[in-house]
């Protein structure tokens, strides 16, 4: 499948809604059955069950999780870059109670069926850790 701009925007909007849904399996449904989600230096989550677990950890830690699509950029052929901003309060079990706001991006590769085969996610982990410890306001954002 060749990805075009209209299809990509619709796909990215559905992916964003899935992250906001508190239904982690709906995030994983955007991935091929053996797809992978790698977040920064963490080991990749491979397969829908592992991707569901990774998404669920964010949803559990941030019960009011909101993700905004900042931009989605079509690359050559089956590749795209999805820019996002995450907002939420770390009020899940053992949470700090602090609000966070971080931005990042995912580098996507698509299968012929139009599902993500690989997502390489990136965000500022130091800023995220600082906001978890001290809150959004204390981090200067």
C-alpha atoms as a PDB file:
ATOM      1  CA  UNK A   1       0.000   0.000   0.000  1.00  0.00           C
ATOM      2  CA  UNK A   2       1.215   3.475  -0.814  1.00  0.00           C
ATOM      3  CA  UNK A   3       0.308   5.910   1.934  1.00  0.00           C
ATOM      4  CA  UNK A   4      -1.250   9.194   0.765  1.00  0.00           C
ATOM      5  CA  UNK A   5      -1.726  12.386   2.787  1.00  0.00           C
ATOM      6  CA  UNK A   6      -5.522  12.123   3.219  1.00  0.00           C
ATOM      7  CA  UNK A   7      -5.417   8.496   4.322  1.00  0.00           C
ATOM      8  CA  UNK A   8      -2.523   9.253   6.695  1.00  0.00           C
ATOM      9  CA  UNK A   9      -4.315  12.183   8.357  1.00  0.00           C
ATOM     10  CA  UNK A  10      -7.426  10.045   8.956  1.00  0.00           C
ATOM     11  CA  UNK A  11      -5.314   7.181  10.321  1.00  0.00           C
ATOM     12  CA  UNK A  12      -3.415   9.535  12.655  1.00  0.00           C
ATOM     13  CA  UNK A  13      -6.665  11.087  13.907  1.00  0.00           C
ATOM     14  CA  UNK A  14      -8.038   7.623  14.736  1.00  0.00           C
ATOM     15  CA  UNK A  15      -4.765   6.734  16.484  1.00  0.00           C
ATOM     16  CA  UNK A  16      -4.988   9.923  18.565  1.00  0.00           C
ATOM     17  CA  UNK A  17      -8.575   9.136  19.579  1.00  0.00           C
ATOM     18  CA  UNK A  18      -7.455   5.626  20.567  1.00  0.00           C
ATOM     19  CA  UNK A  19      -4.804   7.032  22.927  1.00  0.00           C
ATOM     20  CA  UNK A  20      -7.455   9.221  24.584  1.00  0.00           C
ATOM     21  CA  UNK A  21      -9.986   6.378  24.906  1.00  0.00           C
ATOM     22  CA  UNK A  22      -8.637   4.557  27.987  1.00  0.00           C
ATOM     23  CA  UNK A  23      -8.921   1.424  25.803  1.00  0.00           C
ATOM     24  CA  UNK A  24      -5.337   0.260  25.257  1.00  0.00           C
ATOM     25  CA  UNK A  25      -6.361  -2.482  22.816  1.00  0.00           C
ATOM     26  CA  UNK A  26      -7.696   0.228  20.482  1.00  0.00           C
ATOM     27  CA  UNK A  27      -4.151   1.657  20.282  1.00  0.00           C
ATOM     28  CA  UNK A  28      -2.720  -1.793  19.532  1.00  0.00           C
ATOM     29  CA  UNK A  29      -5.335  -2.336  16.801  1.00  0.00           C
ATOM     30  CA  UNK A  30      -3.474   0.269  14.701  1.00  0.00           C
ATOM     31  CA  UNK A  31      -0.461  -2.066  14.584  1.00  0.00           C
ATOM     32  CA  UNK A  32       0.136  -5.150  12.473  1.00  0.00           C
ATOM     33  CA  UNK A  33      -0.186  -8.366  14.553  1.00  0.00           C
ATOM     34  CA  UNK A  34       3.616  -8.566  14.854  1.00  0.00           C
ATOM     35  CA  UNK A  35       4.176  -4.800  14.852  1.00  0.00           C
ATOM     36  CA  UNK A  36       6.431  -3.074  17.353  1.00  0.00           C
ATOM     37  CA  UNK A  37       6.355   0.084  19.454  1.00  0.00           C
ATOM     38  CA  UNK A  38       9.719   1.303  20.756  1.00  0.00           C
ATOM     39  CA  UNK A  39       9.774   4.271  23.124  1.00  0.00           C
ATOM     40  CA  UNK A  40      13.167   5.975  23.253  1.00  0.00           C
ATOM     41  CA  UNK A  41      15.789   3.591  24.674  1.00  0.00           C
ATOM     42  CA  UNK A  42      13.272   1.119  26.109  1.00  0.00           C
ATOM     43  CA  UNK A  43      13.036  -2.388  24.695  1.00  0.00           C
ATOM     44  CA  UNK A  44      10.420  -2.571  21.942  1.00  0.00           C
ATOM     45  CA  UNK A  45       6.941  -3.873  22.676  1.00  0.00           C
ATOM     46  CA  UNK A  46       6.396  -6.473  19.946  1.00  0.00           C
ATOM     47  CA  UNK A  47       2.953  -7.775  19.053  1.00  0.00           C
ATOM     48  CA  UNK A  48      -0.464  -6.417  19.910  1.00  0.00           C
ATOM     49  CA  UNK A  49      -0.536  -7.861  23.447  1.00  0.00           C
ATOM     50  CA  UNK A  50       2.751  -6.145  24.347  1.00  0.00           C
ATOM     51  CA  UNK A  51       1.662  -2.889  22.687  1.00  0.00           C
ATOM     52  CA  UNK A  52      -1.621  -3.056  24.603  1.00  0.00           C
ATOM     53  CA  UNK A  53       0.351  -3.431  27.849  1.00  0.00           C
ATOM     54  CA  UNK A  54       2.613  -0.470  27.010  1.00  0.00           C
ATOM     55  CA  UNK A  55      -0.360   1.765  26.193  1.00  0.00           C
ATOM     56  CA  UNK A  56      -2.213   0.557  29.295  1.00  0.00           C
ATOM     57  CA  UNK A  57       0.685   1.608  31.527  1.00  0.00           C
ATOM     58  CA  UNK A  58       0.314   5.211  30.340  1.00  0.00           C
ATOM     59  CA  UNK A  59      -3.480   5.042  30.652  1.00  0.00           C
ATOM     60  CA  UNK A  60      -3.261   3.628  34.188  1.00  0.00           C
ATOM     61  CA  UNK A  61      -0.687   6.194  35.310  1.00  0.00           C
ATOM     62  CA  UNK A  62      -2.688   9.034  33.715  1.00  0.00           C
ATOM     63  CA  UNK A  63      -6.436   8.331  34.090  1.00  0.00           C
ATOM     64  CA  UNK A  64      -7.186  11.696  32.443  1.00  0.00           C
ATOM     65  CA  UNK A  65      -4.680  11.130  29.614  1.00  0.00           C
ATOM     66  CA  UNK A  66      -5.160  13.360  26.594  1.00  0.00           C
ATOM     67  CA  UNK A  67      -3.060  13.148  23.444  1.00  0.00           C
ATOM     68  CA  UNK A  68      -3.200  15.814  20.761  1.00  0.00           C
ATOM     69  CA  UNK A  69      -1.980  15.309  17.221  1.00  0.00           C
ATOM     70  CA  UNK A  70       0.320  18.232  16.482  1.00  0.00           C
ATOM     71  CA  UNK A  71       1.226  17.195  12.945  1.00  0.00           C
ATOM     72  CA  UNK A  72       1.593  14.144  10.759  1.00  0.00           C
ATOM     73  CA  UNK A  73       4.129  14.202   7.933  1.00  0.00           C
ATOM     74  CA  UNK A  74       4.142  11.835   4.992  1.00  0.00           C
ATOM     75  CA  UNK A  75       7.572  10.455   4.166  1.00  0.00           C
ATOM     76  CA  UNK A  76       8.609   8.350   1.179  1.00  0.00           C
ATOM     77  CA  UNK A  77       6.485   5.288   0.417  1.00  0.00           C
ATOM     78  CA  UNK A  78       5.285   3.544   3.555  1.00  0.00           C
ATOM     79  CA  UNK A  79       6.725   5.940   6.163  1.00  0.00           C
ATOM     80  CA  UNK A  80       5.361   8.841   8.196  1.00  0.00           C
ATOM     81  CA  UNK A  81       6.175  10.940  11.252  1.00  0.00           C
ATOM     82  CA  UNK A  82       3.452  11.578  13.837  1.00  0.00           C
ATOM     83  CA  UNK A  83       4.025  14.530  16.223  1.00  0.00           C
ATOM     84  CA  UNK A  84       1.991  14.568  19.439  1.00  0.00           C
ATOM     85  CA  UNK A  85       1.550  16.300  22.780  1.00  0.00           C
ATOM     86  CA  UNK A  86       0.501  14.370  25.887  1.00  0.00           C
ATOM     87  CA  UNK A  87      -1.297  15.979  28.845  1.00  0.00           C
ATOM     88  CA  UNK A  88      -2.345  14.320  32.056  1.00  0.00           C
ATOM     89  CA  UNK A  89      -2.168  14.047  35.811  1.00  0.00           C
ATOM     90  CA  UNK A  90      -0.086  11.225  37.254  1.00  0.00           C
ATOM     91  CA  UNK A  91      -2.888  10.153  39.597  1.00  0.00           C
ATOM     92  CA  UNK A  92      -2.919   6.410  38.970  1.00  0.00           C
ATOM     93  CA  UNK A  93      -1.825   3.896  41.625  1.00  0.00           C
ATOM     94  CA  UNK A  94       1.354   5.168  43.299  1.00  0.00           C
ATOM     95  CA  UNK A  95       1.249   8.345  41.204  1.00  0.00           C
ATOM     96  CA  UNK A  96       2.767  11.650  42.209  1.00  0.00           C
ATOM     97  CA  UNK A  97      -0.401  13.663  41.584  1.00  0.00           C
ATOM     98  CA  UNK A  98       1.562  16.011  39.330  1.00  0.00           C
ATOM     99  CA  UNK A  99       0.431  17.235  35.932  1.00  0.00           C
ATOM    100  CA  UNK A 100       2.651  16.663  32.905  1.00  0.00           C
ATOM    101  CA  UNK A 101       2.758  17.999  29.378  1.00  0.00           C
ATOM    102  CA  UNK A 102       5.291  16.526  26.990  1.00  0.00           C
ATOM    103  CA  UNK A 103       5.646  16.530  23.234  1.00  0.00           C
ATOM    104  CA  UNK A 104       7.276  13.945  21.060  1.00  0.00           C
ATOM    105  CA  UNK A 105       7.013  12.052  17.819  1.00  0.00           C
ATOM    106  CA  UNK A 106       6.780   8.571  16.384  1.00  0.00           C
ATOM    107  CA  UNK A 107       8.433   7.379  13.196  1.00  0.00           C
ATOM    108  CA  UNK A 108       5.994   4.974  11.548  1.00  0.00           C
ATOM    109  CA  UNK A 109       6.482   2.281   8.929  1.00  0.00           C
ATOM    110  CA  UNK A 110       3.306   0.751   7.468  1.00  0.00           C
ATOM    111  CA  UNK A 111       2.403  -2.722   6.276  1.00  0.00           C
ATOM    112  CA  UNK A 112       0.760  -3.308   2.880  1.00  0.00           C
ATOM    113  CA  UNK A 113      -2.542  -3.579   4.832  1.00  0.00           C
ATOM    114  CA  UNK A 114      -2.183  -0.049   6.241  1.00  0.00           C
ATOM    115  CA  UNK A 115      -1.163  -0.965   9.791  1.00  0.00           C
ATOM    116  CA  UNK A 116       1.947   0.142  11.685  1.00  0.00           C
ATOM    117  CA  UNK A 117       4.721  -2.448  11.483  1.00  0.00           C
ATOM    118  CA  UNK A 118       7.205  -0.325  13.414  1.00  0.00           C
ATOM    119  CA  UNK A 119       6.868   2.794  15.537  1.00  0.00           C
ATOM    120  CA  UNK A 120       9.950   4.463  16.962  1.00  0.00           C
ATOM    121  CA  UNK A 121       8.804   6.892  19.648  1.00  0.00           C
ATOM    122  CA  UNK A 122      10.810   9.805  21.002  1.00  0.00           C
ATOM    123  CA  UNK A 123      10.250  12.365  23.777  1.00  0.00           C
ATOM    124  CA  UNK A 124      12.309  14.272  26.342  1.00  0.00           C
ATOM    125  CA  UNK A 125      12.562  11.732  29.172  1.00  0.00           C
ATOM    126  CA  UNK A 126      14.414  14.171  31.448  1.00  0.00           C
ATOM    127  CA  UNK A 127      11.607  16.743  31.147  1.00  0.00           C
ATOM    128  CA  UNK A 128       9.031  14.012  31.732  1.00  0.00           C
ATOM    129  CA  UNK A 129      10.847  12.803  34.887  1.00  0.00           C
ATOM    130  CA  UNK A 130      11.175  16.384  36.176  1.00  0.00           C
ATOM    131  CA  UNK A 131       7.444  16.995  35.669  1.00  0.00           C
ATOM    132  CA  UNK A 132       6.567  13.727  37.406  1.00  0.00           C
ATOM    133  CA  UNK A 133       8.702  14.750  40.407  1.00  0.00           C
ATOM    134  CA  UNK A 134       7.837  18.444  40.610  1.00  0.00           C
ATOM    135  CA  UNK A 135       4.820  19.064  38.402  1.00  0.00           C
ATOM    136  CA  UNK A 136       4.246  20.948  35.211  1.00  0.00           C
ATOM    137  CA  UNK A 137       4.367  24.384  36.802  1.00  0.00           C
ATOM    138  CA  UNK A 138       7.765  23.753  38.454  1.00  0.00           C
ATOM    139  CA  UNK A 139       9.290  22.663  35.143  1.00  0.00           C
ATOM    140  CA  UNK A 140       8.721  26.076  33.580  1.00  0.00           C
ATOM    141  CA  UNK A 141       6.027  24.972  31.131  1.00  0.00           C
END
